[in-house]
Amino acid sequence: MNKKIKLLLSVLTVMAFSFTLTFSALAADENLPTKIGIGIDTSIDDAGIMPTYVAVCPSAPRGQHYMDPKGTGAAYDVRNNNKLKFRGQAGQCRYCKLVLITQYNAFLPSTPYWGEYALWNPNYEVGTGVVMYTNEFGVSYNKNDEICKGFYFR
């Protein structure tokens, strides 16, 4: 009986912590969001290749992007008259400053996948709440795919 009570208390504690993180992230809408990515993906290099992103962080000790939470995020599609593509959770790599917005909250261990996502590196620290303008989006329905394995969410 004592083990069941400890297990129940552990589950309740984890749930309370998860709700606290979720509500604190939702509170980010009160602040002015950091706007990044305006015009970022519009240029093509000399070979005619659009830039892509590698899941490996060149600055991190283990090669994974070590993501710090940045509250809510919104990704707008530049190719579609800056129409909102999706809203979700934003994070930024503490080493290389890459910003990631995922449709589903990747910071919660119980989230099975990212859904739609957008990446861009502004090369500076963003504030809480991120608005990204881009034309490159991805979709991930498995946390074990190559792009997801390149990120660590704390």
N, C-alpha and C. Protein backbone atom coordinates (compact mmCIF):
# COMPACT_ATOMS: atom_id res chain seq x y z
N MET A 1 0.83 -1.20 0.00
CA MET A 1 0.00 0.00 0.00
C MET A 1 0.87 1.26 0.00
N ASN A 2 1.96 1.24 0.76
CA ASN A 2 2.86 2.38 0.86
C ASN A 2 3.50 2.70 -0.49
N LYS A 3 3.84 1.66 -1.28
CA LYS A 3 4.43 1.86 -2.60
C LYS A 3 3.43 2.51 -3.55
N LYS A 4 2.16 2.13 -3.44
CA LYS A 4 1.14 2.70 -4.29
C LYS A 4 0.95 4.19 -4.00
N ILE A 5 1.00 4.56 -2.76
CA ILE A 5 0.86 5.98 -2.39
C ILE A 5 2.04 6.77 -2.91
N LYS A 6 3.27 6.23 -2.78
CA LYS A 6 4.45 6.92 -3.29
C LYS A 6 4.38 7.09 -4.80
N LEU A 7 3.92 6.05 -5.49
CA LEU A 7 3.79 6.12 -6.94
C LEU A 7 2.76 7.18 -7.33
N LEU A 8 1.63 7.20 -6.62
CA LEU A 8 0.58 8.18 -6.90
C LEU A 8 1.10 9.59 -6.66
N LEU A 9 1.82 9.80 -5.57
CA LEU A 9 2.38 11.13 -5.28
C LEU A 9 3.40 11.53 -6.34
N SER A 10 4.19 10.59 -6.81
CA SER A 10 5.18 10.89 -7.85
C SER A 10 4.49 11.32 -9.15
N VAL A 11 3.44 10.59 -9.53
CA VAL A 11 2.71 10.92 -10.74
C VAL A 11 2.07 12.30 -10.62
N LEU A 12 1.46 12.58 -9.48
CA LEU A 12 0.82 13.89 -9.26
C LEU A 12 1.85 15.02 -9.29
N THR A 13 3.03 14.78 -8.74
CA THR A 13 4.08 15.79 -8.75
C THR A 13 4.54 16.09 -10.17
N VAL A 14 4.74 15.05 -10.97
CA VAL A 14 5.15 15.24 -12.36
C VAL A 14 4.08 15.99 -13.14
N MET A 15 2.81 15.63 -12.91
CA MET A 15 1.72 16.31 -13.61
C MET A 15 1.66 17.78 -13.21
N ALA A 16 1.81 18.07 -11.94
CA ALA A 16 1.78 19.46 -11.48
C ALA A 16 2.92 20.26 -12.09
N PHE A 17 4.11 19.66 -12.16
CA PHE A 17 5.26 20.32 -12.76
C PHE A 17 5.02 20.58 -14.25
N SER A 18 4.45 19.61 -14.95
CA SER A 18 4.16 19.77 -16.38
C SER A 18 3.16 20.89 -16.62
N PHE A 19 2.11 20.96 -15.81
CA PHE A 19 1.12 22.02 -15.96
C PHE A 19 1.75 23.37 -15.67
N THR A 20 2.63 23.44 -14.68
CA THR A 20 3.30 24.70 -14.36
C THR A 20 4.12 25.18 -15.55
N LEU A 21 4.87 24.27 -16.19
CA LEU A 21 5.66 24.64 -17.36
C LEU A 21 4.77 25.09 -18.51
N THR A 22 3.65 24.41 -18.70
CA THR A 22 2.75 24.75 -19.79
C THR A 22 2.15 26.13 -19.57
N PHE A 23 1.67 26.41 -18.38
CA PHE A 23 1.06 27.69 -18.11
C PHE A 23 2.07 28.82 -18.12
N SER A 24 3.29 28.58 -17.67
CA SER A 24 4.30 29.63 -17.73
C SER A 24 4.67 29.93 -19.16
N ALA A 25 4.66 28.91 -20.05
CA ALA A 25 4.94 29.15 -21.46
C ALA A 25 3.81 29.94 -22.11
N LEU A 26 2.56 29.67 -21.72
CA LEU A 26 1.44 30.39 -22.28
C LEU A 26 1.43 31.85 -21.85
N ALA A 27 2.01 32.13 -20.71
CA ALA A 27 2.05 33.50 -20.21
C ALA A 27 2.97 34.37 -21.05
N ALA A 28 3.80 33.79 -21.90
CA ALA A 28 4.74 34.54 -22.72
C ALA A 28 4.03 35.44 -23.72
N ASP A 29 2.75 35.16 -24.03
CA ASP A 29 2.01 35.98 -24.97
C ASP A 29 1.85 37.42 -24.48
N GLU A 30 1.98 37.66 -23.19
CA GLU A 30 1.84 39.00 -22.65
C GLU A 30 3.02 39.89 -23.03
N ASN A 31 4.18 39.29 -23.28
CA ASN A 31 5.37 40.04 -23.65
C ASN A 31 5.39 40.26 -25.15
N LEU A 32 6.13 41.26 -25.58
CA LEU A 32 6.31 41.44 -27.01
C LEU A 32 7.20 40.33 -27.53
N PRO A 33 6.80 39.64 -28.59
CA PRO A 33 7.61 38.54 -29.09
C PRO A 33 8.85 39.04 -29.83
N THR A 34 9.85 38.19 -29.85
CA THR A 34 11.04 38.47 -30.64
C THR A 34 10.75 38.07 -32.07
N LYS A 35 10.89 39.00 -33.00
CA LYS A 35 10.66 38.69 -34.41
C LYS A 35 11.99 38.36 -35.05
N ILE A 36 12.04 37.20 -35.68
CA ILE A 36 13.26 36.79 -36.37
C ILE A 36 12.92 36.21 -37.73
N GLY A 37 13.88 36.18 -38.59
CA GLY A 37 13.75 35.45 -39.83
C GLY A 37 13.15 36.22 -40.99
N ILE A 38 12.98 37.51 -40.87
CA ILE A 38 12.37 38.24 -41.98
C ILE A 38 13.34 38.23 -43.16
N GLY A 39 12.92 37.61 -44.26
CA GLY A 39 13.74 37.54 -45.46
C GLY A 39 14.88 36.55 -45.39
N ILE A 40 14.85 35.63 -44.46
CA ILE A 40 16.01 34.78 -44.22
C ILE A 40 16.26 33.71 -45.26
N ASP A 41 15.23 33.13 -45.81
CA ASP A 41 15.42 31.98 -46.69
C ASP A 41 15.24 32.34 -48.16
N THR A 42 15.25 33.61 -48.48
CA THR A 42 14.92 34.01 -49.84
C THR A 42 16.11 33.92 -50.79
N SER A 43 17.32 33.86 -50.28
CA SER A 43 18.47 33.81 -51.19
C SER A 43 18.90 32.38 -51.45
N ILE A 44 19.36 32.17 -52.66
CA ILE A 44 19.89 30.87 -53.07
C ILE A 44 21.36 31.07 -53.39
N ASP A 45 22.22 30.14 -52.98
CA ASP A 45 23.65 30.31 -53.21
C ASP A 45 24.00 30.18 -54.70
N ASP A 46 25.29 30.33 -55.03
CA ASP A 46 25.74 30.32 -56.42
C ASP A 46 25.41 29.02 -57.15
N ALA A 47 25.35 27.92 -56.43
CA ALA A 47 25.06 26.64 -57.06
C ALA A 47 23.56 26.41 -57.22
N GLY A 48 22.73 27.38 -56.78
CA GLY A 48 21.29 27.23 -56.91
C GLY A 48 20.68 26.33 -55.85
N ILE A 49 21.36 26.19 -54.72
CA ILE A 49 20.89 25.31 -53.65
C ILE A 49 20.36 26.14 -52.49
N MET A 50 19.17 25.81 -52.04
CA MET A 50 18.59 26.49 -50.88
C MET A 50 19.29 25.98 -49.63
N PRO A 51 19.64 26.86 -48.69
CA PRO A 51 20.32 26.39 -47.47
C PRO A 51 19.43 25.46 -46.65
N THR A 52 20.04 24.46 -46.06
CA THR A 52 19.33 23.54 -45.18
C THR A 52 20.05 23.50 -43.84
N TYR A 53 19.46 22.82 -42.88
CA TYR A 53 20.01 22.79 -41.53
C TYR A 53 20.47 21.39 -41.17
N VAL A 54 21.54 21.35 -40.43
CA VAL A 54 22.09 20.08 -39.98
C VAL A 54 21.72 19.92 -38.51
N ALA A 55 21.38 18.72 -38.12
CA ALA A 55 20.94 18.47 -36.76
C ALA A 55 22.07 18.57 -35.75
N VAL A 56 23.30 18.62 -36.19
CA VAL A 56 24.44 18.65 -35.28
C VAL A 56 24.79 20.09 -34.94
N CYS A 57 25.03 20.36 -33.65
CA CYS A 57 25.45 21.69 -33.22
C CYS A 57 26.97 21.75 -33.27
N PRO A 58 27.54 22.67 -34.02
CA PRO A 58 28.99 22.74 -34.13
C PRO A 58 29.68 23.25 -32.86
N SER A 59 28.93 23.86 -31.96
CA SER A 59 29.53 24.46 -30.76
C SER A 59 29.31 23.65 -29.49
N ALA A 60 28.38 22.72 -29.48
CA ALA A 60 28.04 21.97 -28.26
C ALA A 60 29.05 20.85 -28.02
N PRO A 61 29.33 20.54 -26.75
CA PRO A 61 30.30 19.48 -26.44
C PRO A 61 29.92 18.11 -27.00
N ARG A 62 28.65 17.77 -27.00
CA ARG A 62 28.21 16.45 -27.49
C ARG A 62 27.63 16.49 -28.90
N GLY A 63 27.59 17.66 -29.49
CA GLY A 63 27.07 17.79 -30.84
C GLY A 63 25.58 17.99 -30.94
N GLN A 64 24.85 17.83 -29.85
CA GLN A 64 23.40 18.06 -29.86
C GLN A 64 23.10 19.52 -29.54
N HIS A 65 22.05 20.04 -30.15
CA HIS A 65 21.58 21.38 -29.79
C HIS A 65 20.97 21.29 -28.40
N TYR A 66 21.49 22.04 -27.45
CA TYR A 66 21.02 22.05 -26.07
C TYR A 66 20.00 23.17 -25.96
N MET A 67 18.71 22.82 -25.98
CA MET A 67 17.64 23.79 -26.12
C MET A 67 17.15 24.35 -24.79
N ASP A 68 17.10 25.67 -24.72
CA ASP A 68 16.50 26.38 -23.60
C ASP A 68 15.11 26.84 -24.04
N PRO A 69 14.10 26.75 -23.16
CA PRO A 69 12.75 27.16 -23.54
C PRO A 69 12.64 28.67 -23.73
N LYS A 70 11.87 29.07 -24.73
CA LYS A 70 11.65 30.49 -25.02
C LYS A 70 10.17 30.84 -25.09
N GLY A 71 9.32 30.02 -24.49
CA GLY A 71 7.89 30.31 -24.46
C GLY A 71 7.20 29.91 -25.75
N THR A 72 6.16 30.63 -26.07
CA THR A 72 5.38 30.30 -27.26
C THR A 72 6.10 30.76 -28.52
N GLY A 73 5.72 30.16 -29.64
CA GLY A 73 6.29 30.55 -30.92
C GLY A 73 5.22 30.53 -31.98
N ALA A 74 5.43 31.34 -33.01
CA ALA A 74 4.53 31.37 -34.16
C ALA A 74 5.40 31.39 -35.41
N ALA A 75 5.09 30.52 -36.36
CA ALA A 75 5.85 30.44 -37.60
C ALA A 75 4.97 30.88 -38.76
N TYR A 76 5.45 31.87 -39.50
CA TYR A 76 4.71 32.42 -40.64
C TYR A 76 5.40 32.01 -41.94
N ASP A 77 4.62 31.71 -42.95
CA ASP A 77 5.11 31.23 -44.25
C ASP A 77 5.32 32.42 -45.18
N VAL A 78 6.58 32.73 -45.48
CA VAL A 78 6.91 33.85 -46.35
C VAL A 78 6.38 33.63 -47.76
N ARG A 79 6.38 32.39 -48.23
CA ARG A 79 5.92 32.10 -49.59
C ARG A 79 4.40 32.20 -49.74
N ASN A 80 3.69 32.30 -48.63
CA ASN A 80 2.23 32.35 -48.66
C ASN A 80 1.74 33.65 -48.03
N ASN A 81 2.30 34.77 -48.47
CA ASN A 81 1.91 36.11 -47.99
C ASN A 81 1.99 36.25 -46.48
N ASN A 82 3.02 35.66 -45.89
CA ASN A 82 3.25 35.73 -44.44
C ASN A 82 2.07 35.21 -43.62
N LYS A 83 1.40 34.20 -44.16
CA LYS A 83 0.28 33.58 -43.47
C LYS A 83 0.80 32.70 -42.33
N LEU A 84 0.08 32.71 -41.21
CA LEU A 84 0.47 31.87 -40.08
C LEU A 84 0.43 30.41 -40.48
N LYS A 85 1.55 29.72 -40.30
CA LYS A 85 1.64 28.29 -40.62
C LYS A 85 1.22 27.46 -39.40
N PHE A 86 1.79 27.78 -38.22
CA PHE A 86 1.39 27.11 -36.99
C PHE A 86 1.90 27.89 -35.78
N ARG A 87 1.31 27.61 -34.65
CA ARG A 87 1.77 28.12 -33.35
C ARG A 87 2.25 26.93 -32.54
N GLY A 88 3.18 27.18 -31.64
CA GLY A 88 3.68 26.09 -30.82
C GLY A 88 4.63 26.57 -29.75
N GLN A 89 5.65 25.77 -29.49
CA GLN A 89 6.62 26.03 -28.44
C GLN A 89 7.96 26.40 -29.08
N ALA A 90 8.60 27.44 -28.55
CA ALA A 90 9.89 27.88 -29.07
C ALA A 90 11.02 27.51 -28.13
N GLY A 91 12.17 27.24 -28.70
CA GLY A 91 13.38 26.96 -27.93
C GLY A 91 14.58 27.47 -28.69
N GLN A 92 15.69 27.68 -27.96
CA GLN A 92 16.92 28.16 -28.59
C GLN A 92 18.11 27.41 -28.05
N CYS A 93 19.02 27.03 -28.94
CA CYS A 93 20.24 26.35 -28.54
C CYS A 93 21.13 27.32 -27.78
N ARG A 94 21.56 26.93 -26.61
CA ARG A 94 22.37 27.83 -25.81
C ARG A 94 23.78 27.98 -26.36
N TYR A 95 24.20 27.11 -27.24
CA TYR A 95 25.56 27.18 -27.80
C TYR A 95 25.61 27.92 -29.13
N CYS A 96 24.80 27.54 -30.10
CA CYS A 96 24.91 28.13 -31.44
C CYS A 96 23.79 29.12 -31.76
N LYS A 97 22.81 29.26 -30.87
CA LYS A 97 21.69 30.22 -30.99
C LYS A 97 20.64 29.83 -32.02
N LEU A 98 20.66 28.59 -32.51
CA LEU A 98 19.62 28.11 -33.43
C LEU A 98 18.27 28.15 -32.71
N VAL A 99 17.25 28.65 -33.39
CA VAL A 99 15.90 28.73 -32.82
C VAL A 99 15.03 27.67 -33.50
N LEU A 100 14.26 26.96 -32.69
CA LEU A 100 13.36 25.92 -33.16
C LEU A 100 11.97 26.21 -32.62
N ILE A 101 10.97 26.19 -33.49
CA ILE A 101 9.57 26.27 -33.06
C ILE A 101 8.93 24.95 -33.48
N THR A 102 8.33 24.25 -32.52
CA THR A 102 7.65 22.99 -32.80
C THR A 102 6.16 23.17 -32.54
N GLN A 103 5.37 22.48 -33.33
CA GLN A 103 3.91 22.54 -33.18
C GLN A 103 3.49 22.00 -31.81
N TYR A 104 4.12 20.92 -31.38
CA TYR A 104 3.83 20.33 -30.07
C TYR A 104 5.02 20.55 -29.16
N ASN A 105 4.79 20.64 -27.87
CA ASN A 105 5.81 21.02 -26.90
C ASN A 105 6.87 19.92 -26.73
N ALA A 106 8.01 20.11 -27.36
CA ALA A 106 9.10 19.13 -27.30
C ALA A 106 9.78 19.12 -25.93
N PHE A 107 9.53 20.11 -25.10
CA PHE A 107 10.13 20.16 -23.77
C PHE A 107 9.44 19.21 -22.79
N LEU A 108 8.24 18.74 -23.13
CA LEU A 108 7.54 17.78 -22.28
C LEU A 108 7.91 16.37 -22.73
N PRO A 109 8.46 15.56 -21.82
CA PRO A 109 8.87 14.20 -22.20
C PRO A 109 7.72 13.35 -22.73
N SER A 110 6.50 13.66 -22.34
CA SER A 110 5.35 12.86 -22.76
C SER A 110 4.89 13.18 -24.19
N THR A 111 5.42 14.25 -24.80
CA THR A 111 5.04 14.59 -26.16
C THR A 111 5.68 13.59 -27.12
N PRO A 112 4.86 12.85 -27.89
CA PRO A 112 5.43 11.78 -28.73
C PRO A 112 6.17 12.27 -29.97
N TYR A 113 5.87 13.48 -30.46
CA TYR A 113 6.53 13.98 -31.66
C TYR A 113 6.38 15.50 -31.73
N TRP A 114 7.12 16.11 -32.65
CA TRP A 114 7.12 17.56 -32.81
C TRP A 114 5.94 18.07 -33.63
N GLY A 115 5.49 17.31 -34.59
CA GLY A 115 4.54 17.82 -35.58
C GLY A 115 5.29 18.71 -36.55
N GLU A 116 4.72 19.83 -36.94
CA GLU A 116 5.42 20.75 -37.82
C GLU A 116 6.48 21.50 -37.02
N TYR A 117 7.56 21.88 -37.71
CA TYR A 117 8.59 22.66 -37.04
C TYR A 117 9.24 23.61 -38.03
N ALA A 118 9.87 24.64 -37.48
CA ALA A 118 10.62 25.61 -38.28
C ALA A 118 11.92 25.91 -37.54
N LEU A 119 12.99 26.11 -38.30
CA LEU A 119 14.32 26.39 -37.75
C LEU A 119 14.89 27.64 -38.39
N TRP A 120 15.63 28.39 -37.61
CA TRP A 120 16.43 29.48 -38.15
C TRP A 120 17.42 29.93 -37.10
N ASN A 121 18.58 30.40 -37.53
CA ASN A 121 19.59 30.88 -36.59
C ASN A 121 19.80 32.38 -36.75
N PRO A 122 19.31 33.17 -35.78
CA PRO A 122 19.49 34.61 -35.86
C PRO A 122 20.88 35.06 -35.39
N ASN A 123 21.66 34.15 -34.78
CA ASN A 123 22.99 34.45 -34.23
C ASN A 123 22.96 35.41 -33.05
N TYR A 124 21.83 35.50 -32.38
CA TYR A 124 21.73 36.27 -31.15
C TYR A 124 20.69 35.62 -30.24
N GLU A 125 20.72 35.99 -28.98
CA GLU A 125 19.78 35.46 -27.99
C GLU A 125 18.41 36.11 -28.20
N VAL A 126 17.37 35.29 -28.38
CA VAL A 126 16.02 35.82 -28.55
C VAL A 126 15.35 35.93 -27.18
N GLY A 127 14.31 36.73 -27.11
CA GLY A 127 13.56 36.88 -25.89
C GLY A 127 12.49 35.79 -25.75
N THR A 128 11.61 35.97 -24.79
CA THR A 128 10.52 35.03 -24.57
C THR A 128 9.42 35.30 -25.59
N GLY A 129 8.97 34.25 -26.22
CA GLY A 129 7.99 34.39 -27.29
C GLY A 129 8.72 34.71 -28.58
N VAL A 130 8.50 33.90 -29.60
CA VAL A 130 9.24 34.07 -30.85
C VAL A 130 8.26 34.06 -32.02
N VAL A 131 8.45 35.00 -32.93
CA VAL A 131 7.72 35.04 -34.18
C VAL A 131 8.76 34.85 -35.28
N MET A 132 8.59 33.81 -36.09
CA MET A 132 9.55 33.49 -37.13
C MET A 132 8.89 33.58 -38.51
N TYR A 133 9.58 34.26 -39.42
CA TYR A 133 9.15 34.34 -40.81
C TYR A 133 10.12 33.51 -41.64
N THR A 134 9.62 32.48 -42.30
CA THR A 134 10.49 31.57 -43.04
C THR A 134 9.71 30.91 -44.17
N ASN A 135 10.44 30.22 -45.03
CA ASN A 135 9.76 29.43 -46.05
C ASN A 135 10.20 27.98 -45.98
N GLU A 136 10.93 27.61 -44.94
CA GLU A 136 11.37 26.24 -44.77
C GLU A 136 10.72 25.64 -43.52
N PHE A 137 9.91 24.63 -43.74
CA PHE A 137 9.23 23.95 -42.65
C PHE A 137 9.50 22.46 -42.77
N GLY A 138 9.47 21.79 -41.64
CA GLY A 138 9.60 20.34 -41.62
C GLY A 138 8.46 19.74 -40.83
N VAL A 139 8.35 18.43 -40.91
CA VAL A 139 7.35 17.70 -40.14
C VAL A 139 8.03 16.49 -39.54
N SER A 140 7.79 16.26 -38.26
CA SER A 140 8.36 15.09 -37.59
C SER A 140 7.28 14.40 -36.78
N TYR A 141 7.05 13.14 -37.09
CA TYR A 141 6.08 12.36 -36.33
C TYR A 141 6.74 11.22 -35.59
N ASN A 142 8.04 11.39 -35.30
CA ASN A 142 8.79 10.37 -34.59
C ASN A 142 10.00 11.04 -33.95
N LYS A 143 10.10 11.00 -32.62
CA LYS A 143 11.23 11.63 -31.94
C LYS A 143 12.56 10.92 -32.19
N ASN A 144 12.53 9.79 -32.88
CA ASN A 144 13.76 9.06 -33.17
C ASN A 144 14.28 9.33 -34.57
N ASP A 145 13.69 10.27 -35.30
CA ASP A 145 14.24 10.56 -36.62
C ASP A 145 15.52 11.37 -36.47
N GLU A 146 16.27 11.51 -37.55
CA GLU A 146 17.61 12.10 -37.49
C GLU A 146 17.60 13.55 -37.01
N ILE A 147 16.63 14.33 -37.42
CA ILE A 147 16.60 15.73 -36.99
C ILE A 147 16.32 15.82 -35.49
N CYS A 148 15.38 15.05 -34.98
CA CYS A 148 15.01 15.11 -33.56
C CYS A 148 16.14 14.63 -32.65
N LYS A 149 16.90 13.65 -33.10
CA LYS A 149 18.01 13.14 -32.28
C LYS A 149 19.10 14.17 -32.10
N GLY A 150 19.12 15.21 -32.91
CA GLY A 150 20.14 16.24 -32.81
C GLY A 150 19.81 17.33 -31.78
N PHE A 151 18.72 17.14 -31.03
CA PHE A 151 18.29 18.15 -30.07
C PHE A 151 18.12 17.54 -28.68
N TYR A 152 18.52 18.30 -27.66
CA TYR A 152 18.32 17.91 -26.28
C TYR A 152 17.50 19.01 -25.61
N PHE A 153 16.37 18.64 -25.05
CA PHE A 153 15.47 19.60 -24.40
C PHE A 153 15.60 19.46 -22.90
N ARG A 154 15.94 20.54 -22.24
CA ARG A 154 16.11 20.48 -20.79
C ARG A 154 14.86 20.93 -20.08
